[in-house]
Amino acid sequence: ERLGIYFVASPRHADVMLLSGLLTFNMNPHVIDAYNQMPEPKWVITLGDCPAMQAPFEPTFTITAPANQHLPITHHIPGCPPEPKEIIKGLLEFIRKVLSEDRNSPK
């Protein structure tokens, strides 16, 4: 909360979806459904290399393609897994990026 980040119980109250694991065939429709329930503007952040690149896993019948083939990824925080310091750094970079885009957009 100190950084202005709050967890919410419903995607209808969320601005950002944080993906932190592989997208499996069973979870994929639920993740997409949650994304579709989010109000505009909405953003998706991948946390770690698993959702972004499927690393270190080989493609199997249970794992779908990387998240960017199912959702529009706005920001990626690299690592396997990323260290807490890198997560905070990545989230702050994302916030700065969104705020600067908001200031530069025509009103």
Foldseek 3Di string as FASTA:
>chain_A
DVVPDDDDDALCPDQEAEAEAFDWPVCLVVVLVSVVNHDPPHAYEYFECCQAQVPPDDDDNTTDGRCVVRDPHDYYQYDPHDDPVSVVVRVVVVVVVVVVVVVPDDD
